[in-house]
Amino acid sequence: MIGRPEYIFEAKRLKISAHTAAYIGKNGMERFIDGRYAERYDEAGMIGYIQSDSLSVWKKKIKKQYIKKKTGLI
């Protein structure tokens, strides 16, 4: 008997009052970017839904924060 497929998804609410550091780290997008999120599954996804600003604004904010963390600046 073949089991039903499992897909792991997580949503991150991107809002103006949140600091980008809240999205980076051991429980954040860093795990997804580094391939550690839902490691035992073949498929996984993370959805960022934007409540303020634009996609390009959030992309820049999160990329800057991620680089800071990876280079040891935070």
PDB file of N, CA and C in Angstrom:
ATOM      1  N   MET A   1       0.841  -1.182   0.000  1.00  0.00           N
ATOM      2  CA  MET A   1       0.000   0.000   0.000  1.00  0.00           C
ATOM      3  C   MET A   1       0.891   1.251   0.000  1.00  0.00           C
ATOM      4  N   ILE A   2       0.587   2.171  -0.862  1.00  0.00           N
ATOM      5  CA  ILE A   2       1.341   3.419  -0.960  1.00  0.00           C
ATOM      6  C   ILE A   2       0.691   4.462  -0.057  1.00  0.00           C
ATOM      7  N   GLY A   3       1.514   5.113   0.746  1.00  0.00           N
ATOM      8  CA  GLY A   3       1.001   6.151   1.633  1.00  0.00           C
ATOM      9  C   GLY A   3       0.720   7.447   0.893  1.00  0.00           C
ATOM     10  N   ARG A   4       0.061   8.313   1.564  1.00  0.00           N
ATOM     11  CA  ARG A   4      -0.231   9.627   0.986  1.00  0.00           C
ATOM     12  C   ARG A   4       1.030  10.492   1.080  1.00  0.00           C
ATOM     13  N   PRO A   5       1.276  11.313   0.084  1.00  0.00           N
ATOM     14  CA  PRO A   5       2.458  12.178   0.143  1.00  0.00           C
ATOM     15  C   PRO A   5       2.318  13.222   1.251  1.00  0.00           C
ATOM     16  N   GLU A   6       3.446  13.573   1.849  1.00  0.00           N
ATOM     17  CA  GLU A   6       3.469  14.600   2.878  1.00  0.00           C
ATOM     18  C   GLU A   6       4.246  15.792   2.360  1.00  0.00           C
ATOM     19  N   TYR A   7       3.707  16.957   2.563  1.00  0.00           N
ATOM     20  CA  TYR A   7       4.375  18.193   2.194  1.00  0.00           C
ATOM     21  C   TYR A   7       4.433  19.093   3.420  1.00  0.00           C
ATOM     22  N   ILE A   8       5.587  19.603   3.716  1.00  0.00           N
ATOM     23  CA  ILE A   8       5.785  20.465   4.871  1.00  0.00           C
ATOM     24  C   ILE A   8       5.827  21.913   4.382  1.00  0.00           C
ATOM     25  N   PHE A   9       4.948  22.751   4.931  1.00  0.00           N
ATOM     26  CA  PHE A   9       4.919  24.170   4.601  1.00  0.00           C
ATOM     27  C   PHE A   9       4.880  24.981   5.878  1.00  0.00           C
ATOM     28  N   GLU A  10       5.500  26.124   5.818  1.00  0.00           N
ATOM     29  CA  GLU A  10       5.471  27.063   6.940  1.00  0.00           C
ATOM     30  C   GLU A  10       5.256  28.446   6.354  1.00  0.00           C
ATOM     31  N   ALA A  11       4.525  29.271   7.055  1.00  0.00           N
ATOM     32  CA  ALA A  11       4.278  30.635   6.598  1.00  0.00           C
ATOM     33  C   ALA A  11       4.935  31.632   7.540  1.00  0.00           C
ATOM     34  N   LYS A  12       5.545  32.649   6.972  1.00  0.00           N
ATOM     35  CA  LYS A  12       6.149  33.740   7.730  1.00  0.00           C
ATOM     36  C   LYS A  12       5.400  35.023   7.375  1.00  0.00           C
ATOM     37  N   ARG A  13       4.886  35.698   8.393  1.00  0.00           N
ATOM     38  CA  ARG A  13       4.157  36.949   8.180  1.00  0.00           C
ATOM     39  C   ARG A  13       5.153  38.108   8.186  1.00  0.00           C
ATOM     40  N   LEU A  14       5.314  38.760   7.051  1.00  0.00           N
ATOM     41  CA  LEU A  14       6.271  39.850   6.905  1.00  0.00           C
ATOM     42  C   LEU A  14       5.531  41.164   7.125  1.00  0.00           C
ATOM     43  N   LYS A  15       5.720  41.738   8.311  1.00  0.00           N
ATOM     44  CA  LYS A  15       4.998  42.968   8.649  1.00  0.00           C
ATOM     45  C   LYS A  15       5.965  44.055   9.083  1.00  0.00           C
ATOM     46  N   ILE A  16       5.524  45.262   9.011  1.00  0.00           N
ATOM     47  CA  ILE A  16       6.404  46.411   9.233  1.00  0.00           C
ATOM     48  C   ILE A  16       6.999  46.454  10.636  1.00  0.00           C
ATOM     49  N   SER A  17       6.285  45.999  11.646  1.00  0.00           N
ATOM     50  CA  SER A  17       6.791  46.109  13.010  1.00  0.00           C
ATOM     51  C   SER A  17       7.811  45.026  13.371  1.00  0.00           C
ATOM     52  N   ALA A  18       7.949  44.028  12.532  1.00  0.00           N
ATOM     53  CA  ALA A  18       8.891  42.938  12.823  1.00  0.00           C
ATOM     54  C   ALA A  18      10.289  43.292  12.326  1.00  0.00           C
ATOM     55  N   HIS A  19      11.282  42.960  13.122  1.00  0.00           N
ATOM     56  CA  HIS A  19      12.672  43.148  12.718  1.00  0.00           C
ATOM     57  C   HIS A  19      13.098  41.922  11.927  1.00  0.00           C
ATOM     58  N   THR A  20      13.888  42.105  10.894  1.00  0.00           N
ATOM     59  CA  THR A  20      14.264  40.983  10.028  1.00  0.00           C
ATOM     60  C   THR A  20      15.014  39.880  10.765  1.00  0.00           C
ATOM     61  N   ALA A  21      15.660  40.200  11.878  1.00  0.00           N
ATOM     62  CA  ALA A  21      16.364  39.165  12.643  1.00  0.00           C
ATOM     63  C   ALA A  21      15.400  38.078  13.116  1.00  0.00           C
ATOM     64  N   ALA A  22      14.132  38.429  13.267  1.00  0.00           N
ATOM     65  CA  ALA A  22      13.132  37.449  13.697  1.00  0.00           C
ATOM     66  C   ALA A  22      12.927  36.349  12.654  1.00  0.00           C
ATOM     67  N   TYR A  23      13.293  36.618  11.411  1.00  0.00           N
ATOM     68  CA  TYR A  23      13.092  35.640  10.337  1.00  0.00           C
ATOM     69  C   TYR A  23      14.329  34.809  10.041  1.00  0.00           C
ATOM     70  N   ILE A  24      15.450  35.212  10.592  1.00  0.00           N
ATOM     71  CA  ILE A  24      16.708  34.514  10.352  1.00  0.00           C
ATOM     72  C   ILE A  24      17.109  33.808  11.647  1.00  0.00           C
ATOM     73  N   GLY A  25      17.659  32.625  11.537  1.00  0.00           N
ATOM     74  CA  GLY A  25      18.124  31.927  12.728  1.00  0.00           C
ATOM     75  C   GLY A  25      17.691  30.479  12.736  1.00  0.00           C
ATOM     76  N   LYS A  26      17.910  29.834  13.870  1.00  0.00           N
ATOM     77  CA  LYS A  26      17.686  28.383  13.952  1.00  0.00           C
ATOM     78  C   LYS A  26      16.238  27.973  13.700  1.00  0.00           C
ATOM     79  N   ASN A  27      15.296  28.864  13.920  1.00  0.00           N
ATOM     80  CA  ASN A  27      13.889  28.543  13.674  1.00  0.00           C
ATOM     81  C   ASN A  27      13.313  29.328  12.507  1.00  0.00           C
ATOM     82  N   GLY A  28      14.157  29.962  11.738  1.00  0.00           N
ATOM     83  CA  GLY A  28      13.675  30.813  10.662  1.00  0.00           C
ATOM     84  C   GLY A  28      14.079  30.352   9.279  1.00  0.00           C
ATOM     85  N   MET A  29      14.129  31.301   8.370  1.00  0.00           N
ATOM     86  CA  MET A  29      14.410  31.021   6.973  1.00  0.00           C
ATOM     87  C   MET A  29      15.810  30.470   6.728  1.00  0.00           C
ATOM     88  N   GLU A  30      16.722  30.722   7.642  1.00  0.00           N
ATOM     89  CA  GLU A  30      18.082  30.197   7.481  1.00  0.00           C
ATOM     90  C   GLU A  30      18.064  28.681   7.307  1.00  0.00           C
ATOM     91  N   ARG A  31      17.231  28.005   8.071  1.00  0.00           N
ATOM     92  CA  ARG A  31      17.121  26.535   7.950  1.00  0.00           C
ATOM     93  C   ARG A  31      16.653  26.139   6.561  1.00  0.00           C
ATOM     94  N   PHE A  32      15.730  26.901   6.003  1.00  0.00           N
ATOM     95  CA  PHE A  32      15.208  26.601   4.674  1.00  0.00           C
ATOM     96  C   PHE A  32      16.273  26.874   3.613  1.00  0.00           C
ATOM     97  N   ILE A  33      16.934  28.023   3.708  1.00  0.00           N
ATOM     98  CA  ILE A  33      17.961  28.412   2.744  1.00  0.00           C
ATOM     99  C   ILE A  33      19.129  27.424   2.755  1.00  0.00           C
ATOM    100  N   ASP A  34      19.529  26.984   3.929  1.00  0.00           N
ATOM    101  CA  ASP A  34      20.658  26.062   4.070  1.00  0.00           C
ATOM    102  C   ASP A  34      20.294  24.594   3.826  1.00  0.00           C
ATOM    103  N   GLY A  35      19.031  24.307   3.562  1.00  0.00           N
ATOM    104  CA  GLY A  35      18.602  22.941   3.281  1.00  0.00           C
ATOM    105  C   GLY A  35      18.405  22.075   4.509  1.00  0.00           C
ATOM    106  N   ARG A  36      18.271  22.689   5.674  1.00  0.00           N
ATOM    107  CA  ARG A  36      18.073  21.931   6.913  1.00  0.00           C
ATOM    108  C   ARG A  36      16.610  21.856   7.333  1.00  0.00           C
ATOM    109  N   TYR A  37      15.739  22.609   6.682  1.00  0.00           N
ATOM    110  CA  TYR A  37      14.319  22.632   7.019  1.00  0.00           C
ATOM    111  C   TYR A  37      13.647  21.364   6.492  1.00  0.00           C
ATOM    112  N   ALA A  38      12.953  20.658   7.333  1.00  0.00           N
ATOM    113  CA  ALA A  38      12.234  19.434   6.953  1.00  0.00           C
ATOM    114  C   ALA A  38      13.149  18.465   6.193  1.00  0.00           C
ATOM    115  N   GLU A  39      14.330  18.235   6.741  1.00  0.00           N
ATOM    116  CA  GLU A  39      15.359  17.429   6.072  1.00  0.00           C
ATOM    117  C   GLU A  39      14.906  16.032   5.669  1.00  0.00           C
ATOM    118  N   ARG A  40      14.051  15.442   6.439  1.00  0.00           N
ATOM    119  CA  ARG A  40      13.673  14.055   6.145  1.00  0.00           C
ATOM    120  C   ARG A  40      12.591  13.935   5.069  1.00  0.00           C
ATOM    121  N   TYR A  41      12.157  15.072   4.532  1.00  0.00           N
ATOM    122  CA  TYR A  41      11.134  15.067   3.490  1.00  0.00           C
ATOM    123  C   TYR A  41      11.743  15.436   2.145  1.00  0.00           C
ATOM    124  N   ASP A  42      11.204  14.856   1.085  1.00  0.00           N
ATOM    125  CA  ASP A  42      11.681  15.178  -0.259  1.00  0.00           C
ATOM    126  C   ASP A  42      11.208  16.556  -0.709  1.00  0.00           C
ATOM    127  N   GLU A  43      10.077  16.987  -0.197  1.00  0.00           N
ATOM    128  CA  GLU A  43       9.482  18.257  -0.604  1.00  0.00           C
ATOM    129  C   GLU A  43       9.175  19.099   0.632  1.00  0.00           C
ATOM    130  N   ALA A  44       9.459  20.380   0.563  1.00  0.00           N
ATOM    131  CA  ALA A  44       9.128  21.307   1.646  1.00  0.00           C
ATOM    132  C   ALA A  44       9.022  22.704   1.054  1.00  0.00           C
ATOM    133  N   GLY A  45       8.314  23.570   1.734  1.00  0.00           N
ATOM    134  CA  GLY A  45       8.185  24.934   1.231  1.00  0.00           C
ATOM    135  C   GLY A  45       7.992  25.922   2.361  1.00  0.00           C
ATOM    136  N   MET A  46       8.315  27.159   2.069  1.00  0.00           N
ATOM    137  CA  MET A  46       8.092  28.226   3.032  1.00  0.00           C
ATOM    138  C   MET A  46       7.462  29.382   2.269  1.00  0.00           C
ATOM    139  N   ILE A  47       6.428  29.925   2.838  1.00  0.00           N
ATOM    140  CA  ILE A  47       5.699  31.013   2.205  1.00  0.00           C
ATOM    141  C   ILE A  47       5.854  32.257   3.065  1.00  0.00           C
ATOM    142  N   GLY A  48       6.244  33.353   2.460  1.00  0.00           N
ATOM    143  CA  GLY A  48       6.290  34.632   3.164  1.00  0.00           C
ATOM    144  C   GLY A  48       5.139  35.473   2.654  1.00  0.00           C
ATOM    145  N   TYR A  49       4.211  35.794   3.524  1.00  0.00           N
ATOM    146  CA  TYR A  49       3.129  36.644   3.055  1.00  0.00           C
ATOM    147  C   TYR A  49       3.332  38.051   3.592  1.00  0.00           C
ATOM    148  N   ILE A  50       3.231  38.996   2.697  1.00  0.00           N
ATOM    149  CA  ILE A  50       3.624  40.371   2.956  1.00  0.00           C
ATOM    150  C   ILE A  50       2.429  41.197   3.404  1.00  0.00           C
ATOM    151  N   GLN A  51       2.582  41.855   4.551  1.00  0.00           N
ATOM    152  CA  GLN A  51       1.540  42.733   5.052  1.00  0.00           C
ATOM    153  C   GLN A  51       1.935  44.197   4.949  1.00  0.00           C
ATOM    154  N   SER A  52       3.177  44.468   4.640  1.00  0.00           N
ATOM    155  CA  SER A  52       3.626  45.847   4.486  1.00  0.00           C
ATOM    156  C   SER A  52       4.774  45.879   3.485  1.00  0.00           C
ATOM    157  N   ASP A  53       5.026  47.036   2.925  1.00  0.00           N
ATOM    158  CA  ASP A  53       6.075  47.227   1.938  1.00  0.00           C
ATOM    159  C   ASP A  53       5.844  46.346   0.711  1.00  0.00           C
ATOM    160  N   SER A  54       6.893  46.026  -0.013  1.00  0.00           N
ATOM    161  CA  SER A  54       6.769  45.232  -1.241  1.00  0.00           C
ATOM    162  C   SER A  54       7.718  44.042  -1.179  1.00  0.00           C
ATOM    163  N   LEU A  55       7.591  43.151  -2.132  1.00  0.00           N
ATOM    164  CA  LEU A  55       8.466  41.987  -2.204  1.00  0.00           C
ATOM    165  C   LEU A  55       9.930  42.418  -2.318  1.00  0.00           C
ATOM    166  N   SER A  56      10.212  43.396  -3.146  1.00  0.00           N
ATOM    167  CA  SER A  56      11.599  43.822  -3.317  1.00  0.00           C
ATOM    168  C   SER A  56      12.175  44.419  -2.037  1.00  0.00           C
ATOM    169  N   VAL A  57      11.365  45.140  -1.274  1.00  0.00           N
ATOM    170  CA  VAL A  57      11.819  45.694   0.010  1.00  0.00           C
ATOM    171  C   VAL A  57      12.168  44.565   0.966  1.00  0.00           C
ATOM    172  N   TRP A  58      11.293  43.568   1.092  1.00  0.00           N
ATOM    173  CA  TRP A  58      11.536  42.448   2.003  1.00  0.00           C
ATOM    174  C   TRP A  58      12.709  41.594   1.543  1.00  0.00           C
ATOM    175  N   LYS A  59      12.840  41.410   0.260  1.00  0.00           N
ATOM    176  CA  LYS A  59      13.968  40.633  -0.261  1.00  0.00           C
ATOM    177  C   LYS A  59      15.292  41.280   0.151  1.00  0.00           C
ATOM    178  N   LYS A  60      15.392  42.594   0.003  1.00  0.00           N
ATOM    179  CA  LYS A  60      16.615  43.316   0.379  1.00  0.00           C
ATOM    180  C   LYS A  60      16.861  43.235   1.884  1.00  0.00           C
ATOM    181  N   LYS A  61      15.817  43.450   2.680  1.00  0.00           N
ATOM    182  CA  LYS A  61      15.954  43.418   4.144  1.00  0.00           C
ATOM    183  C   LYS A  61      16.448  42.062   4.629  1.00  0.00           C
ATOM    184  N   ILE A  62      15.817  41.013   4.151  1.00  0.00           N
ATOM    185  CA  ILE A  62      16.146  39.664   4.624  1.00  0.00           C
ATOM    186  C   ILE A  62      17.511  39.223   4.103  1.00  0.00           C
ATOM    187  N   LYS A  63      17.829  39.549   2.858  1.00  0.00           N
ATOM    188  CA  LYS A  63      19.141  39.203   2.313  1.00  0.00           C
ATOM    189  C   LYS A  63      20.246  39.888   3.119  1.00  0.00           C
ATOM    190  N   LYS A  64      20.073  41.158   3.437  1.00  0.00           N
ATOM    191  CA  LYS A  64      21.056  41.909   4.220  1.00  0.00           C
ATOM    192  C   LYS A  64      21.245  41.265   5.599  1.00  0.00           C
ATOM    193  N   GLN A  65      20.148  40.896   6.247  1.00  0.00           N
ATOM    194  CA  GLN A  65      20.215  40.275   7.567  1.00  0.00           C
ATOM    195  C   GLN A  65      20.896  38.911   7.497  1.00  0.00           C
ATOM    196  N   TYR A  66      20.577  38.130   6.480  1.00  0.00           N
ATOM    197  CA  TYR A  66      21.166  36.807   6.302  1.00  0.00           C
ATOM    198  C   TYR A  66      22.679  36.906   6.106  1.00  0.00           C
ATOM    199  N   ILE A  67      23.105  37.844   5.279  1.00  0.00           N
ATOM    200  CA  ILE A  67      24.542  38.042   5.030  1.00  0.00           C
ATOM    201  C   ILE A  67      25.243  38.464   6.326  1.00  0.00           C
ATOM    202  N   LYS A  68      24.635  39.355   7.075  1.00  0.00           N
ATOM    203  CA  LYS A  68      25.213  39.778   8.370  1.00  0.00           C
ATOM    204  C   LYS A  68      25.415  38.573   9.277  1.00  0.00           C
ATOM    205  N   LYS A  69      24.409  37.721   9.353  1.00  0.00           N
ATOM    206  CA  LYS A  69      24.504  36.552  10.235  1.00  0.00           C
ATOM    207  C   LYS A  69      25.582  35.594   9.750  1.00  0.00           C
ATOM    208  N   LYS A  70      25.621  35.325   8.460  1.00  0.00           N
ATOM    209  CA  LYS A  70      26.582  34.375   7.911  1.00  0.00           C
ATOM    210  C   LYS A  70      28.025  34.871   8.021  1.00  0.00           C
ATOM    211  N   THR A  71      28.220  36.192   7.997  1.00  0.00           N
ATOM    212  CA  THR A  71      29.570  36.740   8.086  1.00  0.00           C
ATOM    213  C   THR A  71      29.959  37.077   9.530  1.00  0.00           C
ATOM    214  N   GLY A  72      29.066  36.781  10.472  1.00  0.00           N
ATOM    215  CA  GLY A  72      29.378  37.007  11.872  1.00  0.00           C
ATOM    216  C   GLY A  72      29.224  38.434  12.341  1.00  0.00           C
ATOM    217  N   LEU A  73      28.526  39.251  11.587  1.00  0.00           N
ATOM    218  CA  LEU A  73      28.336  40.648  11.963  1.00  0.00           C
ATOM    219  C   LEU A  73      27.210  40.848  12.978  1.00  0.00           C
ATOM    220  N   ILE A  74      26.419  39.800  13.213  1.00  0.00           N
ATOM    221  CA  ILE A  74      25.365  39.889  14.247  1.00  0.00           C
ATOM    222  C   ILE A  74      25.457  38.683  15.141  1.00  0.00           C
TER     223      ILE A  74
END
